[in-house]
Amino acid sequence: MTTVKTTTYNEAWNGAKQYLTQRLGSTQGQGQDADFGIPIIDIGPSYSSNLGDRKQVAEQIRKACVTSGFFYITNHGIDKQACQGIIRQGQRLFKELSREQKEAISLKKSPYGYGWEDATSTSLQNDVEESKEGFNWSYEEDLDPAGGDGGYVQIDGSTATHVNQWPSEKDLPGFYDGIKHYYGPALQLARHLCKLFAISLSLPEDYFGPMITHPSGNSRFMYYPPSKNPGPLNDSSASGEIGLGAHSDYQVFTILLCSSTPGLEILSPSGRWITAPTVENGIIVNIGDMMMRWTNDIYKSTVHRVVNRTAAARYSMPLFFGINNDQIVETLPSCVSETNPSKYGPIKAGEYVLQRLATTRNY
């Protein structure tokens, strides 16, 4: 059995902080951006019984992961009604619940940070005032079409159940069922993507299967209010009203569904902020720090932020997908060699995320 030392977590946090600082301080020339972009990948062929079709999609994913770390997927298998419906549930929560009803399910009452949050509860970038509202929840077996395996543990390793703080059915009728209608298929999509990631990394297609039987599937609704001074992103409007500060995601990868209002901005290699376009029926996938660590820095966890520069509200729902919280993460065998040894020690997945989340709390 692999032994995980506490110092590993300190090293992981310091490494992530150093990575963010280095990326934000990048002053490379724009020529470094030549291969940078957010490709649109049709993953429809990846559902084929033909391995060649699946490999073709996996190769596109690999190319995106070693460059930008972001890509759109289309023909992903989640129906349009479910995608539109989950965004409406987020709108309902933020607009229909009173402040008192929201405070009753505040994340400040949760040891795991699940529940509603106002703009001041958390922050991802020091000394940046964020303009947002959020609502956070974690994986539940009742939301999982696969039913789980009864082995789910929280990010702190405990076996606590029913820890999510849902609004009551009386306050927000149909909310939970609306969540399930999208979240379930999104979990299945995440598991499918794991197979494609495995192929892309020259691993057996089912390599990650035993690690995602009771996965970490934390999600959140995000609301970004309209800008007080709408305008396009340009050299004179580099900052704007920050909805979510510059950061990289913590988990293996993120599945991000957004309303049509733009706002996601991605940091290019040269240090320029690039606005992610809206892609009809597209879902964004981006690599997280755990995947970057797992692949020995081969796949990139790219720094991004949210700035709503429009006169319309923006809503989004990221699913931060990770392996079972009790799983040990060690550099993947296909990502090390005699000339490229592992840069990272082993670490327990859930505890790594728990400690990273703790640094964002303002309470």
Protein backbone atom coordinates (compact mmCIF):
# COMPACT_ATOMS: atom_id res chain seq x y z
CA MET A 1 0.00 0.00 0.00
CA THR A 2 1.27 3.46 -0.91
CA THR A 3 1.94 5.75 2.03
CA VAL A 4 0.99 9.40 1.58
CA LYS A 5 2.91 11.91 3.66
CA THR A 6 1.31 15.12 4.93
CA THR A 7 4.11 17.16 3.41
CA THR A 8 2.90 16.05 0.01
CA TYR A 9 -0.17 18.25 0.41
CA ASN A 10 1.93 21.27 1.34
CA GLU A 11 4.06 20.64 -1.70
CA ALA A 12 0.96 20.32 -3.89
CA TRP A 13 -0.49 23.62 -2.68
CA ASN A 14 2.80 25.49 -3.00
CA GLY A 15 3.31 24.07 -6.46
CA ALA A 16 -0.17 25.14 -7.59
CA LYS A 17 0.33 28.63 -6.16
CA GLN A 18 3.69 28.96 -7.90
CA TYR A 19 2.16 27.77 -11.19
CA LEU A 20 -0.61 30.39 -10.99
CA THR A 21 1.83 33.18 -10.13
CA GLN A 22 4.13 32.18 -12.96
CA ARG A 23 1.31 32.07 -15.50
CA LEU A 24 -0.13 35.42 -14.46
CA GLY A 25 3.33 36.96 -14.72
CA SER A 26 3.99 35.61 -18.21
CA THR A 27 5.36 38.20 -20.64
CA GLN A 28 6.19 35.98 -23.61
CA GLY A 29 5.64 37.28 -27.11
CA GLN A 30 2.35 36.67 -28.90
CA GLY A 31 4.15 34.28 -31.24
CA GLN A 32 3.90 31.77 -28.41
CA ASP A 33 0.14 31.69 -29.05
CA ALA A 34 0.47 30.15 -32.52
CA ASP A 35 -0.85 26.73 -31.45
CA PHE A 36 -3.17 28.05 -28.76
CA GLY A 37 -6.91 27.80 -29.26
CA ILE A 38 -10.12 26.21 -28.06
CA PRO A 39 -10.92 23.51 -30.61
CA ILE A 40 -14.40 22.14 -31.20
CA ILE A 41 -14.33 18.33 -31.09
CA ASP A 42 -17.23 16.26 -32.37
CA ILE A 43 -17.15 13.27 -30.00
CA GLY A 44 -20.03 11.50 -31.76
CA PRO A 45 -17.64 8.99 -33.39
CA SER A 46 -16.25 8.08 -29.94
CA TYR A 47 -19.48 6.20 -29.22
CA SER A 48 -18.75 3.91 -32.18
CA SER A 49 -17.93 0.24 -31.66
CA ASN A 50 -14.96 0.81 -33.96
CA LEU A 51 -11.77 1.39 -31.97
CA GLY A 52 -10.31 3.41 -34.82
CA ASP A 53 -13.14 5.94 -34.51
CA ARG A 54 -12.57 6.24 -30.78
CA LYS A 55 -8.83 6.68 -31.26
CA GLN A 56 -9.44 9.43 -33.80
CA VAL A 57 -11.42 11.44 -31.25
CA ALA A 58 -8.92 10.67 -28.49
CA GLU A 59 -6.08 12.05 -30.62
CA GLN A 60 -7.96 15.34 -31.05
CA ILE A 61 -8.43 15.47 -27.29
CA ARG A 62 -4.74 14.83 -26.68
CA LYS A 63 -3.76 17.68 -29.01
CA ALA A 64 -6.04 20.05 -27.12
CA CYS A 65 -4.76 18.87 -23.73
CA VAL A 66 -1.09 19.46 -24.52
CA THR A 67 -1.74 22.96 -25.90
CA SER A 68 -4.63 24.98 -24.45
CA GLY A 69 -6.07 22.47 -21.97
CA PHE A 70 -9.54 23.62 -23.11
CA PHE A 71 -11.85 22.26 -25.79
CA TYR A 72 -15.51 22.20 -26.74
CA ILE A 73 -17.35 18.95 -27.31
CA THR A 74 -20.42 18.52 -29.51
CA ASN A 75 -22.63 15.47 -30.07
CA HIS A 76 -21.93 14.65 -26.45
CA GLY A 77 -25.15 12.75 -25.80
CA ILE A 78 -26.84 15.14 -23.35
CA ASP A 79 -30.09 16.33 -24.86
CA LYS A 80 -30.74 20.02 -25.40
CA GLN A 81 -33.74 20.02 -23.07
CA ALA A 82 -31.60 18.82 -20.16
CA CYS A 83 -28.95 21.46 -20.86
CA GLN A 84 -31.48 24.28 -21.06
CA GLY A 85 -33.32 22.92 -18.04
CA ILE A 86 -30.32 22.91 -15.72
CA ILE A 87 -29.52 26.55 -16.55
CA ARG A 88 -33.14 27.43 -15.73
CA GLN A 89 -32.80 25.71 -12.35
CA GLY A 90 -29.83 27.92 -11.58
CA GLN A 91 -31.79 31.02 -12.60
CA ARG A 92 -34.67 29.94 -10.37
CA LEU A 93 -32.46 29.44 -7.35
CA PHE A 94 -30.78 32.83 -7.59
CA LYS A 95 -33.87 34.81 -8.56
CA GLU A 96 -36.80 33.12 -6.79
CA LEU A 97 -35.35 32.42 -3.36
CA SER A 98 -35.30 35.23 -0.84
CA ARG A 99 -32.10 36.21 0.93
CA GLU A 100 -33.46 34.53 4.06
CA GLN A 101 -34.15 31.27 2.18
CA LYS A 102 -30.64 31.34 0.73
CA GLU A 103 -29.04 32.00 4.10
CA ALA A 104 -30.86 28.95 5.47
CA ILE A 105 -28.77 26.78 3.13
CA SER A 106 -25.54 28.80 3.34
CA LEU A 107 -22.28 26.98 2.70
CA LYS A 108 -21.07 28.47 6.00
CA LYS A 109 -23.22 25.82 7.69
CA SER A 110 -21.47 23.00 5.83
CA PRO A 111 -18.05 21.55 6.77
CA TYR A 112 -17.60 20.73 3.09
CA GLY A 113 -18.63 24.07 1.60
CA TYR A 114 -21.92 22.81 0.11
CA GLY A 115 -24.79 25.26 -0.23
CA TRP A 116 -25.40 28.85 -1.27
CA GLU A 117 -22.65 31.46 -1.26
CA ASP A 118 -22.65 35.21 -1.73
CA ALA A 119 -19.88 37.19 -3.42
CA THR A 120 -17.80 37.52 -0.27
CA SER A 121 -17.89 33.91 0.99
CA THR A 122 -15.10 32.63 -1.24
CA SER A 123 -12.47 34.04 -3.56
CA LEU A 124 -10.09 32.42 -6.00
CA GLN A 125 -7.62 35.26 -6.46
CA ASN A 126 -6.14 37.35 -3.65
CA ASP A 127 -6.91 41.07 -3.59
CA VAL A 128 -9.61 40.73 -6.25
CA GLU A 129 -13.22 41.64 -5.47
CA GLU A 130 -15.44 39.09 -7.17
CA SER A 131 -18.98 39.70 -8.39
CA LYS A 132 -20.90 36.42 -8.25
CA GLU A 133 -23.33 34.16 -6.46
CA GLY A 134 -22.94 30.42 -6.22
CA PHE A 135 -24.57 27.20 -5.07
CA ASN A 136 -22.46 24.10 -4.45
CA TRP A 137 -23.28 20.42 -4.10
CA SER A 138 -21.51 17.06 -4.19
CA TYR A 139 -22.05 13.64 -5.70
CA GLU A 140 -24.98 11.59 -4.42
CA GLU A 141 -25.71 8.02 -5.43
CA ASP A 142 -29.36 8.98 -6.03
CA LEU A 143 -28.14 11.34 -8.76
CA ASP A 144 -25.94 8.71 -10.41
CA PRO A 145 -27.54 6.62 -13.18
CA ALA A 146 -24.98 3.91 -12.38
CA GLY A 147 -26.19 3.83 -8.79
CA GLY A 148 -22.71 4.00 -7.30
CA ASP A 149 -21.11 1.08 -5.51
CA GLY A 150 -21.92 2.01 -1.92
CA GLY A 151 -18.33 3.06 -1.31
CA TYR A 152 -18.60 6.83 -1.66
CA VAL A 153 -16.63 8.90 0.82
CA GLN A 154 -16.48 12.66 1.22
CA ILE A 155 -13.39 14.67 0.29
CA ASP A 156 -12.21 14.42 3.90
CA GLY A 157 -12.48 10.63 3.83
CA SER A 158 -15.59 10.46 6.03
CA THR A 159 -18.63 8.38 5.14
CA ALA A 160 -21.14 11.12 5.97
CA THR A 161 -24.26 11.01 3.80
CA HIS A 162 -26.99 13.51 2.90
CA VAL A 163 -24.61 16.42 3.36
CA ASN A 164 -25.92 18.54 0.49
CA GLN A 165 -28.07 21.50 1.44
CA TRP A 166 -30.90 21.53 -1.07
CA PRO A 167 -33.65 24.16 -1.10
CA SER A 168 -36.90 22.66 0.13
CA GLU A 169 -39.42 21.34 -2.37
CA LYS A 170 -41.85 23.90 -0.99
CA ASP A 171 -39.49 26.79 -1.66
CA LEU A 172 -38.36 25.62 -5.10
CA PRO A 173 -40.60 22.86 -6.53
CA GLY A 174 -38.94 20.46 -8.95
CA PHE A 175 -35.43 21.76 -8.29
CA TYR A 176 -33.85 18.44 -7.28
CA ASP A 177 -35.44 16.54 -10.17
CA GLY A 178 -34.23 19.27 -12.52
CA ILE A 179 -30.69 18.82 -11.21
CA LYS A 180 -30.89 15.05 -11.70
CA HIS A 181 -32.12 15.37 -15.30
CA TYR A 182 -28.80 16.94 -16.32
CA TYR A 183 -26.34 15.83 -13.63
CA GLY A 184 -26.92 12.12 -14.24
CA PRO A 185 -26.15 12.24 -17.98
CA ALA A 186 -23.21 14.59 -17.26
CA LEU A 187 -21.72 11.96 -14.92
CA GLN A 188 -22.05 9.35 -17.63
CA LEU A 189 -20.44 11.73 -20.12
CA ALA A 190 -17.55 12.22 -17.68
CA ARG A 191 -17.05 8.46 -17.43
CA HIS A 192 -17.08 8.22 -21.22
CA LEU A 193 -14.47 10.98 -21.45
CA CYS A 194 -12.30 9.02 -19.02
CA LYS A 195 -12.12 6.25 -21.60
CA LEU A 196 -11.04 8.74 -24.25
CA PHE A 197 -8.45 10.27 -21.93
CA ALA A 198 -7.08 6.78 -21.30
CA ILE A 199 -6.73 6.11 -25.03
CA SER A 200 -5.14 9.53 -25.51
CA LEU A 201 -2.52 8.63 -22.89
CA SER A 202 -1.71 5.23 -24.41
CA LEU A 203 -3.41 3.41 -21.55
CA PRO A 204 -6.01 0.62 -21.70
CA GLU A 205 -9.40 2.13 -22.50
CA ASP A 206 -10.90 0.99 -19.19
CA TYR A 207 -7.86 2.03 -17.13
CA PHE A 208 -9.75 4.62 -15.08
CA GLY A 209 -12.89 2.50 -14.68
CA PRO A 210 -12.16 1.12 -11.18
CA MET A 211 -11.28 4.63 -10.01
CA ILE A 212 -14.64 6.22 -10.87
CA THR A 213 -17.13 3.83 -9.29
CA HIS A 214 -18.04 6.43 -6.63
CA PRO A 215 -16.43 9.52 -8.15
CA SER A 216 -15.96 12.99 -6.82
CA GLY A 217 -18.51 14.96 -8.80
CA ASN A 218 -18.79 18.33 -7.08
CA SER A 219 -20.82 20.91 -8.97
CA ARG A 220 -21.95 24.47 -8.61
CA PHE A 221 -24.34 26.93 -10.13
CA MET A 222 -22.80 30.34 -10.82
CA TYR A 223 -24.53 33.66 -11.38
CA TYR A 224 -22.64 36.69 -12.70
CA PRO A 225 -24.67 39.92 -12.71
CA PRO A 226 -24.78 42.25 -15.72
CA SER A 227 -21.84 44.61 -16.10
CA LYS A 228 -22.26 48.17 -14.85
CA ASN A 229 -20.07 49.31 -17.73
CA PRO A 230 -20.56 46.91 -20.68
CA GLY A 231 -17.85 46.80 -23.32
CA PRO A 232 -15.64 44.39 -25.29
CA LEU A 233 -12.37 42.94 -24.06
CA ASN A 234 -9.46 45.08 -25.29
CA ASP A 235 -6.12 46.39 -24.06
CA SER A 236 -7.77 49.23 -22.14
CA SER A 237 -10.34 46.97 -20.44
CA ALA A 238 -8.05 44.20 -19.27
CA SER A 239 -9.64 43.96 -15.84
CA GLY A 240 -13.30 44.93 -15.87
CA GLU A 241 -15.68 43.70 -13.19
CA ILE A 242 -14.24 40.35 -12.12
CA GLY A 243 -16.87 37.67 -11.65
CA LEU A 244 -14.40 34.94 -10.74
CA GLY A 245 -10.71 35.62 -10.26
CA ALA A 246 -7.88 33.99 -12.19
CA HIS A 247 -7.40 30.36 -11.22
CA SER A 248 -6.88 26.83 -12.47
CA ASP A 249 -9.36 24.10 -11.55
CA TYR A 250 -8.37 21.51 -8.95
CA GLN A 251 -9.93 18.29 -10.15
CA VAL A 252 -9.12 15.90 -13.00
CA PHE A 253 -11.26 17.80 -15.50
CA THR A 254 -14.26 20.12 -15.64
CA ILE A 255 -17.41 19.82 -17.75
CA LEU A 256 -18.76 23.36 -18.09
CA LEU A 257 -22.22 24.27 -19.34
CA CYS A 258 -22.91 27.99 -19.84
CA SER A 259 -25.76 30.29 -20.77
CA SER A 260 -25.36 32.22 -24.04
CA THR A 261 -23.85 35.26 -22.28
CA PRO A 262 -20.05 35.21 -22.74
CA GLY A 263 -17.64 35.79 -19.89
CA LEU A 264 -15.10 32.96 -19.71
CA GLU A 265 -11.59 34.23 -20.48
CA ILE A 266 -8.57 31.96 -20.91
CA LEU A 267 -4.96 32.98 -20.37
CA SER A 268 -2.82 32.31 -23.44
CA PRO A 269 0.88 31.33 -23.28
CA SER A 270 1.84 34.93 -24.01
CA GLY A 271 -0.23 36.22 -21.10
CA ARG A 272 -3.21 37.55 -23.09
CA TRP A 273 -6.79 36.98 -21.98
CA ILE A 274 -8.81 35.35 -24.75
CA THR A 275 -12.62 35.27 -24.62
CA ALA A 276 -14.14 31.82 -25.11
CA PRO A 277 -16.85 32.01 -27.79
CA THR A 278 -20.33 30.60 -27.46
CA VAL A 279 -20.71 27.30 -29.33
CA GLU A 280 -24.26 26.16 -29.99
CA ASN A 281 -24.99 22.84 -28.26
CA GLY A 282 -21.37 22.75 -27.17
CA ILE A 283 -20.01 21.95 -23.71
CA ILE A 284 -16.57 23.08 -22.55
CA VAL A 285 -14.10 20.60 -21.10
CA ASN A 286 -10.93 21.78 -19.40
CA ILE A 287 -8.06 20.03 -17.68
CA GLY A 288 -7.62 20.47 -13.92
CA ASP A 289 -4.54 20.51 -11.71
CA MET A 290 -4.95 16.88 -10.70
CA MET A 291 -4.83 15.74 -14.33
CA MET A 292 -1.80 17.95 -14.95
CA ARG A 293 -0.12 16.41 -11.92
CA TRP A 294 -1.23 12.89 -12.90
CA THR A 295 0.25 13.26 -16.40
CA ASN A 296 3.56 14.70 -15.16
CA ASP A 297 2.66 18.11 -16.67
CA ILE A 298 2.02 16.69 -20.15
CA TYR A 299 -1.61 17.84 -20.09
CA LYS A 300 -2.09 21.52 -19.26
CA SER A 301 -4.30 22.98 -16.54
CA THR A 302 -4.87 26.41 -18.03
CA VAL A 303 -5.51 29.56 -16.01
CA HIS A 304 -8.88 31.18 -16.64
CA ARG A 305 -11.32 33.68 -15.10
CA VAL A 306 -14.84 35.02 -15.62
CA VAL A 307 -15.56 38.65 -16.49
CA ASN A 308 -19.10 39.50 -17.58
CA ARG A 309 -18.65 42.48 -19.89
CA THR A 310 -22.26 42.47 -21.13
CA ALA A 311 -25.57 43.99 -20.08
CA ALA A 312 -27.06 40.52 -19.56
CA ALA A 313 -26.69 38.11 -16.64
CA ARG A 314 -24.46 35.06 -17.11
CA TYR A 315 -25.19 31.62 -15.65
CA SER A 316 -23.02 28.52 -15.69
CA MET A 317 -22.82 25.04 -14.20
CA PRO A 318 -19.41 23.41 -13.90
CA LEU A 319 -19.10 19.76 -12.94
CA PHE A 320 -15.68 19.22 -11.39
CA PHE A 321 -15.11 15.57 -12.12
CA GLY A 322 -12.61 13.55 -10.16
CA ILE A 323 -11.82 9.98 -9.29
CA ASN A 324 -12.96 8.27 -6.09
CA ASN A 325 -11.96 10.48 -3.17
CA ASP A 326 -10.17 7.59 -1.45
CA GLN A 327 -8.02 6.86 -4.51
CA ILE A 328 -4.28 7.51 -4.44
CA VAL A 329 -3.02 9.58 -7.37
CA GLU A 330 0.41 8.63 -8.67
CA THR A 331 1.98 9.66 -11.96
CA LEU A 332 0.50 7.59 -14.78
CA PRO A 333 2.81 4.86 -16.09
CA SER A 334 2.67 6.17 -19.65
CA CYS A 335 3.85 9.60 -18.49
CA VAL A 336 7.17 8.61 -16.93
CA SER A 337 10.40 7.17 -18.29
CA GLU A 338 14.07 6.97 -17.40
CA THR A 339 14.64 10.34 -19.02
CA ASN A 340 11.38 11.85 -17.71
CA PRO A 341 10.92 10.73 -14.09
CA SER A 342 7.89 11.65 -12.02
CA LYS A 343 7.88 15.21 -10.69
CA TYR A 344 5.23 14.48 -8.08
CA GLY A 345 4.74 12.22 -5.10
CA PRO A 346 1.57 10.22 -4.41
CA ILE A 347 -1.43 12.05 -2.99
CA LYS A 348 -4.96 11.08 -1.91
CA ALA A 349 -7.44 12.61 -4.33
CA GLY A 350 -10.12 13.87 -1.92
CA GLU A 351 -7.79 15.33 0.66
CA TYR A 352 -5.90 17.23 -2.03
CA VAL A 353 -9.12 18.89 -3.19
CA LEU A 354 -10.22 19.55 0.40
CA GLN A 355 -7.04 21.43 1.19
CA ARG A 356 -7.19 23.40 -2.05
CA LEU A 357 -10.80 24.42 -1.34
CA ALA A 358 -9.89 25.51 2.19
CA THR A 359 -7.64 28.22 0.77
CA THR A 360 -10.59 29.89 -1.00
CA ARG A 361 -12.78 30.43 2.07
CA ASN A 362 -13.26 33.89 3.55
CA TYR A 363 -15.11 32.71 6.66
